[in-house]
Amino acid sequence: MQNTGDNGFETSLAAILLPLVNGFFQTADYAESSRRAVRADLLKFGRWYTSANNETFDPKRVTVRDCADFRDAMRREMNQSVATVNRSLVSVRRFFSWLKDAGHVSSSPADSVKELRKQELAPKTLDRAQIRKLLREAESRQDVRAVAIFSVFLYCGIRVGELCGLDLADLTLSDRSGWLLVRHAKGGKQRRVPLPLQARRALQTYLDCRPPFATSRVFVGERGPLTTRGVRNLFNKYSAIVGVHVHPHLLRHVFGHEFLAQNANDLVGLASLMGHENLNTTRRYAARTADQLHAASENLTF
């Protein structure tokens, strides 16, 4: 077996793996952010394979032991979280399942490799004081667009890509009710999400002074439709102001947690609002966060 050196292995890896990954993506409905994550997972696996085995990456030579050792190396040697390890393993499993279906390999070596077990906690959230501070800071700066964006995330629980894809025609606003039509949802599906009063008011205030760009998108920036990067830049700005790291998906978590807390753990209703296909995804919000467990433990007396 010839050692081509690290640079040679890296060149061979890209030449062999990336065309297959692109073929995989043509049959999988991933958002662009998900594609980046999956591509990174598969390249990480390919690099580990070439380093651990000292040979050029070849999908036909990948074994069950390779997949299991990769999982263990991520946890023990790369010191990656259980969630990151499991996500990478799922990426590898789905990729090899496609390779098998497409006839590139005879079987999937990742199918029998189990994910790491972890304590299921609710996603991280914010407390009411932090949420109030975020909204008050935006209001005090008369940043009506920021207030509207924060309010839509908090009261509707949509994803950042869904927010950026909203058109003016997707809004139904009245004094008594309101709806969002989410056209660009994950998996290509559509759903209608109610707009509570506070979100309707924030949106209407923004729409009343929205710059007259020649675009139907609801949220605009200085040059046109607001992008996901623009939204994240806005969150980074206010994270620095309030002293708490806030990002779009965190406010989606806040919505999920608060909806269940105030609606008798209505998992089916929350799944419909958040666009979840699997109730197991929604069930995470019924668990307790690490902070909640800590606070409950602190209240113990003997």
Protein backbone atom coordinates (compact mmCIF):
# COMPACT_ATOMS: atom_id res chain seq x y z
CA MET A 1 0.00 0.00 0.00
CA GLN A 2 1.49 3.32 -1.09
CA ASN A 3 1.48 6.35 1.14
CA THR A 4 0.75 9.39 -1.02
CA GLY A 5 1.18 11.86 1.85
CA ASP A 6 -1.40 14.08 3.54
CA ASN A 7 -1.80 16.41 0.54
CA GLY A 8 -2.19 13.47 -1.83
CA PHE A 9 -4.81 11.87 0.40
CA GLU A 10 -6.69 15.17 0.70
CA THR A 11 -6.72 15.63 -3.08
CA SER A 12 -7.87 12.05 -3.63
CA LEU A 13 -10.53 12.43 -0.94
CA ALA A 14 -12.05 15.49 -2.60
CA ALA A 15 -11.93 13.88 -6.05
CA ILE A 16 -13.62 10.68 -4.85
CA LEU A 17 -16.00 11.84 -2.13
CA LEU A 18 -17.39 15.19 -3.29
CA PRO A 19 -18.95 13.94 -6.58
CA LEU A 20 -20.70 11.20 -4.60
CA VAL A 21 -21.89 13.72 -2.00
CA ASN A 22 -23.30 15.93 -4.77
CA GLY A 23 -25.12 12.93 -6.20
CA PHE A 24 -26.52 12.16 -2.74
CA PHE A 25 -27.82 15.73 -2.39
CA GLN A 26 -29.70 15.45 -5.68
CA THR A 27 -31.93 12.79 -4.10
CA ALA A 28 -32.23 14.37 -0.63
CA ASP A 29 -34.33 17.42 0.26
CA TYR A 30 -31.88 19.32 2.45
CA ALA A 31 -31.85 23.04 3.15
CA GLU A 32 -28.58 24.75 2.21
CA SER A 33 -27.50 25.01 5.85
CA SER A 34 -28.15 21.27 6.28
CA ARG A 35 -26.16 20.51 3.15
CA ARG A 36 -23.17 22.38 4.54
CA ALA A 37 -23.39 20.45 7.80
CA VAL A 38 -23.76 17.05 6.11
CA ARG A 39 -20.94 17.80 3.67
CA ALA A 40 -18.70 18.74 6.61
CA ASP A 41 -19.66 15.53 8.43
CA LEU A 42 -18.82 13.36 5.42
CA LEU A 43 -15.52 15.11 4.76
CA LYS A 44 -14.64 14.66 8.43
CA PHE A 45 -15.34 10.95 8.09
CA GLY A 46 -13.28 10.75 4.91
CA ARG A 47 -10.32 12.53 6.49
CA TRP A 48 -10.49 10.31 9.57
CA TYR A 49 -10.64 7.21 7.35
CA THR A 50 -7.54 8.17 5.34
CA SER A 51 -5.63 9.05 8.51
CA ALA A 52 -6.68 6.00 10.54
CA ASN A 53 -6.15 3.49 7.73
CA ASN A 54 -3.33 5.27 5.87
CA GLU A 55 -5.02 4.69 2.54
CA THR A 56 -7.05 6.58 -0.05
CA PHE A 57 -10.75 6.81 0.76
CA ASP A 58 -12.78 4.12 -0.98
CA PRO A 59 -16.48 3.67 -0.06
CA LYS A 60 -16.30 -0.02 -1.03
CA ARG A 61 -13.58 -0.65 1.58
CA VAL A 62 -15.38 1.05 4.49
CA THR A 63 -16.28 -1.50 7.17
CA VAL A 64 -18.57 -1.61 10.17
CA ARG A 65 -15.49 -1.29 12.35
CA ASP A 66 -14.49 1.90 10.51
CA CYS A 67 -17.85 3.49 11.28
CA ALA A 68 -17.77 2.40 14.92
CA ASP A 69 -14.17 3.56 15.38
CA PHE A 70 -15.02 6.90 13.76
CA ARG A 71 -17.85 7.37 16.25
CA ASP A 72 -15.56 6.55 19.18
CA ALA A 73 -12.73 8.74 17.87
CA MET A 74 -15.03 11.74 17.60
CA ARG A 75 -15.99 11.37 21.23
CA ARG A 76 -12.66 10.38 22.80
CA GLU A 77 -10.01 11.92 20.58
CA MET A 78 -11.79 14.89 18.99
CA ASN A 79 -13.67 15.61 22.26
CA GLN A 80 -16.91 16.35 20.40
CA SER A 81 -20.31 16.45 22.06
CA VAL A 82 -22.68 13.49 21.99
CA ALA A 83 -25.06 15.50 19.79
CA THR A 84 -22.29 16.27 17.28
CA VAL A 85 -21.11 12.66 17.21
CA ASN A 86 -24.63 11.37 16.63
CA ARG A 87 -25.37 13.93 13.91
CA SER A 88 -22.17 12.97 12.07
CA LEU A 89 -23.01 9.29 12.39
CA VAL A 90 -26.50 9.88 11.01
CA SER A 91 -24.97 11.75 8.05
CA VAL A 92 -22.65 8.82 7.35
CA ARG A 93 -25.50 6.31 7.69
CA ARG A 94 -27.78 8.18 5.29
CA PHE A 95 -24.95 8.64 2.81
CA PHE A 96 -24.08 4.95 2.76
CA SER A 97 -27.73 4.02 2.50
CA TRP A 98 -27.88 6.12 -0.66
CA LEU A 99 -24.63 4.57 -1.92
CA LYS A 100 -26.20 1.13 -1.50
CA ASP A 101 -29.43 2.11 -3.25
CA ALA A 102 -27.44 3.69 -6.09
CA GLY A 103 -25.34 0.56 -6.52
CA HIS A 104 -22.03 2.08 -5.44
CA VAL A 105 -21.64 -0.36 -2.54
CA SER A 106 -23.18 -3.76 -1.85
CA SER A 107 -24.20 -2.98 1.74
CA SER A 108 -24.16 -0.14 4.24
CA PRO A 109 -21.50 -0.57 6.96
CA ALA A 110 -23.08 2.16 9.10
CA ASP A 111 -26.51 0.57 9.56
CA SER A 112 -25.54 -1.53 12.58
CA VAL A 113 -23.50 1.17 14.33
CA LYS A 114 -25.58 2.65 17.15
CA GLU A 115 -25.64 6.28 18.16
CA LEU A 116 -24.35 7.31 21.57
CA ARG A 117 -26.93 7.52 24.31
CA LYS A 118 -27.46 10.77 26.13
CA GLN A 119 -29.82 12.25 28.67
CA GLU A 120 -32.64 13.89 26.76
CA LEU A 121 -32.94 17.52 27.84
CA ALA A 122 -35.11 20.25 26.42
CA PRO A 123 -33.31 22.64 24.05
CA LYS A 124 -31.75 25.66 25.69
CA THR A 125 -34.13 28.56 26.17
CA LEU A 126 -34.25 32.08 27.65
CA ASP A 127 -36.01 33.26 30.78
CA ARG A 128 -38.64 35.98 30.70
CA ALA A 129 -36.25 38.67 31.97
CA GLN A 130 -33.85 37.99 29.09
CA ILE A 131 -36.66 38.04 26.53
CA ARG A 132 -38.00 41.33 27.92
CA LYS A 133 -34.52 42.84 27.82
CA LEU A 134 -34.08 41.83 24.17
CA LEU A 135 -37.41 43.33 23.13
CA ARG A 136 -36.96 46.48 25.25
CA GLU A 137 -33.52 47.16 23.81
CA ALA A 138 -34.90 46.94 20.27
CA GLU A 139 -37.86 49.16 21.19
CA SER A 140 -35.71 51.76 22.94
CA ARG A 141 -33.65 52.08 19.75
CA GLN A 142 -36.85 52.42 17.70
CA ASP A 143 -35.68 49.47 15.66
CA VAL A 144 -39.13 48.44 14.48
CA ARG A 145 -37.76 45.83 12.08
CA ALA A 146 -35.84 44.09 14.87
CA VAL A 147 -38.91 44.13 17.12
CA ALA A 148 -41.00 42.58 14.33
CA ILE A 149 -38.40 39.90 13.59
CA PHE A 150 -37.94 39.00 17.27
CA SER A 151 -41.71 38.92 17.75
CA VAL A 152 -42.32 36.60 14.78
CA PHE A 153 -39.71 34.15 16.08
CA LEU A 154 -41.04 34.31 19.65
CA TYR A 155 -44.75 34.11 18.89
CA CYS A 156 -44.70 31.90 15.77
CA GLY A 157 -41.66 29.66 16.22
CA ILE A 158 -40.66 29.65 12.56
CA ARG A 159 -37.17 28.94 11.19
CA VAL A 160 -34.82 31.67 9.95
CA GLY A 161 -35.10 30.49 6.33
CA GLU A 162 -38.88 30.54 6.62
CA LEU A 163 -38.81 34.10 7.95
CA CYS A 164 -36.60 35.31 5.11
CA GLY A 165 -38.90 33.60 2.59
CA LEU A 166 -42.05 35.37 3.76
CA ASP A 167 -43.86 37.42 1.10
CA LEU A 168 -46.29 40.23 1.80
CA ALA A 169 -49.07 38.06 0.36
CA ASP A 170 -48.29 35.45 3.03
CA LEU A 171 -49.50 37.78 5.80
CA THR A 172 -53.09 38.03 6.94
CA LEU A 173 -53.46 40.83 9.49
CA SER A 174 -56.59 42.16 11.15
CA ASP A 175 -57.55 43.55 14.55
CA ARG A 176 -58.97 40.23 15.69
CA SER A 177 -56.71 37.63 14.07
CA GLY A 178 -53.71 37.02 11.88
CA TRP A 179 -51.88 34.26 10.03
CA LEU A 180 -48.56 33.51 8.39
CA LEU A 181 -48.45 31.24 5.37
CA VAL A 182 -45.06 29.53 5.49
CA ARG A 183 -44.39 28.57 1.87
CA HIS A 184 -40.68 27.79 2.11
CA ALA A 185 -40.86 25.24 4.93
CA LYS A 186 -38.44 22.39 5.52
CA GLY A 187 -39.17 19.47 3.22
CA GLY A 188 -40.94 21.70 0.70
CA LYS A 189 -44.18 21.69 2.68
CA GLN A 190 -46.45 24.61 3.52
CA ARG A 191 -48.21 25.40 6.78
CA ARG A 192 -50.29 28.20 8.31
CA VAL A 193 -49.20 29.63 11.62
CA PRO A 194 -51.36 31.92 13.79
CA LEU A 195 -50.12 35.45 14.46
CA PRO A 196 -50.90 36.44 18.07
CA LEU A 197 -51.78 40.05 18.86
CA GLN A 198 -48.29 41.15 19.94
CA ALA A 199 -46.74 39.78 16.76
CA ARG A 200 -49.48 41.40 14.62
CA ARG A 201 -48.85 44.77 16.22
CA ALA A 202 -45.07 44.52 15.76
CA LEU A 203 -45.46 43.45 12.13
CA GLN A 204 -47.95 46.20 11.33
CA THR A 205 -45.69 48.85 12.88
CA TYR A 206 -42.83 47.61 10.73
CA LEU A 207 -44.94 47.41 7.56
CA ASP A 208 -46.13 50.99 8.06
CA CYS A 209 -42.55 52.22 7.63
CA ARG A 210 -41.06 49.42 5.51
CA PRO A 211 -38.72 50.83 2.80
CA PRO A 212 -40.38 50.77 -0.66
CA PHE A 213 -38.11 48.19 -2.29
CA ALA A 214 -39.27 46.50 -5.49
CA THR A 215 -39.60 43.14 -3.76
CA SER A 216 -42.52 41.22 -2.30
CA ARG A 217 -40.45 39.89 0.59
CA VAL A 218 -41.67 41.08 3.99
CA PHE A 219 -38.30 41.81 5.54
CA VAL A 220 -35.78 43.94 3.68
CA GLY A 221 -32.31 45.28 4.41
CA GLU A 222 -30.35 48.15 2.96
CA ARG A 223 -30.01 46.55 -0.49
CA GLY A 224 -33.16 44.46 -0.79
CA PRO A 225 -34.60 41.24 0.67
CA LEU A 226 -33.15 40.32 4.04
CA THR A 227 -30.98 37.19 3.93
CA THR A 228 -30.36 34.59 6.63
CA ARG A 229 -26.90 36.12 7.08
CA GLY A 230 -28.50 39.52 7.58
CA VAL A 231 -30.81 38.09 10.26
CA ARG A 232 -27.88 36.47 12.05
CA ASN A 233 -25.93 39.73 11.92
CA LEU A 234 -28.90 41.44 13.55
CA PHE A 235 -28.92 38.81 16.31
CA ASN A 236 -25.17 39.18 16.80
CA LYS A 237 -25.64 42.92 17.24
CA TYR A 238 -28.29 42.52 19.92
CA SER A 239 -26.42 39.67 21.60
CA ALA A 240 -23.60 42.13 22.24
CA ILE A 241 -26.07 44.73 23.51
CA VAL A 242 -27.98 42.48 25.97
CA GLY A 243 -24.96 40.39 27.01
CA VAL A 244 -26.61 37.07 26.12
CA HIS A 245 -25.86 35.00 23.02
CA VAL A 246 -29.14 35.02 21.11
CA HIS A 247 -29.72 33.40 17.73
CA PRO A 248 -32.84 32.72 15.60
CA HIS A 249 -33.15 29.04 16.52
CA LEU A 250 -32.92 29.91 20.22
CA LEU A 251 -36.08 32.01 19.94
CA ARG A 252 -37.72 29.09 18.12
CA HIS A 253 -36.80 26.98 21.16
CA VAL A 254 -38.33 29.62 23.45
CA PHE A 255 -41.57 29.41 21.49
CA GLY A 256 -41.68 25.60 21.69
CA HIS A 257 -40.98 25.52 25.41
CA GLU A 258 -43.49 28.25 26.29
CA PHE A 259 -46.23 26.83 24.06
CA LEU A 260 -46.11 23.48 25.86
CA ALA A 261 -45.89 25.14 29.27
CA GLN A 262 -49.00 27.20 28.60
CA ASN A 263 -51.02 24.66 26.59
CA ALA A 264 -51.04 21.50 28.71
CA ASN A 265 -48.21 19.81 26.81
CA ASP A 266 -50.10 19.82 23.50
CA LEU A 267 -47.43 18.02 21.45
CA VAL A 268 -49.63 17.54 18.39
CA GLY A 269 -50.50 21.23 18.25
CA LEU A 270 -46.87 22.27 18.68
CA ALA A 271 -45.70 19.84 15.99
CA SER A 272 -48.19 21.39 13.56
CA LEU A 273 -47.07 24.93 14.37
CA MET A 274 -43.34 24.19 14.17
CA GLY A 275 -43.54 22.01 11.07
CA HIS A 276 -42.26 18.82 12.71
CA GLU A 277 -42.96 15.56 10.89
CA ASN A 278 -42.00 13.41 13.88
CA LEU A 279 -43.48 13.87 17.35
CA ASN A 280 -40.20 12.68 18.86
CA THR A 281 -38.67 15.94 17.66
CA THR A 282 -41.44 17.90 19.36
CA ARG A 283 -41.26 15.82 22.53
CA ARG A 284 -37.87 17.36 23.36
CA TYR A 285 -39.67 20.51 24.43
CA ALA A 286 -41.58 18.57 27.08
CA ALA A 287 -38.30 17.64 28.78
CA ARG A 288 -36.61 19.88 31.32
CA THR A 289 -33.65 22.07 30.46
CA ALA A 290 -30.37 21.70 32.32
CA ASP A 291 -31.04 25.01 34.12
CA GLN A 292 -34.48 23.82 35.21
CA LEU A 293 -33.05 20.60 36.60
CA HIS A 294 -30.40 22.55 38.45
CA ALA A 295 -32.95 24.97 39.92
CA ALA A 296 -35.20 22.09 41.00
CA SER A 297 -32.28 20.39 42.71
CA GLU A 298 -31.35 23.60 44.52
CA ASN A 299 -34.86 23.72 46.02
CA LEU A 300 -34.45 20.36 47.74
CA THR A 301 -34.42 20.45 51.54
CA PHE A 302 -33.98 17.63 54.06
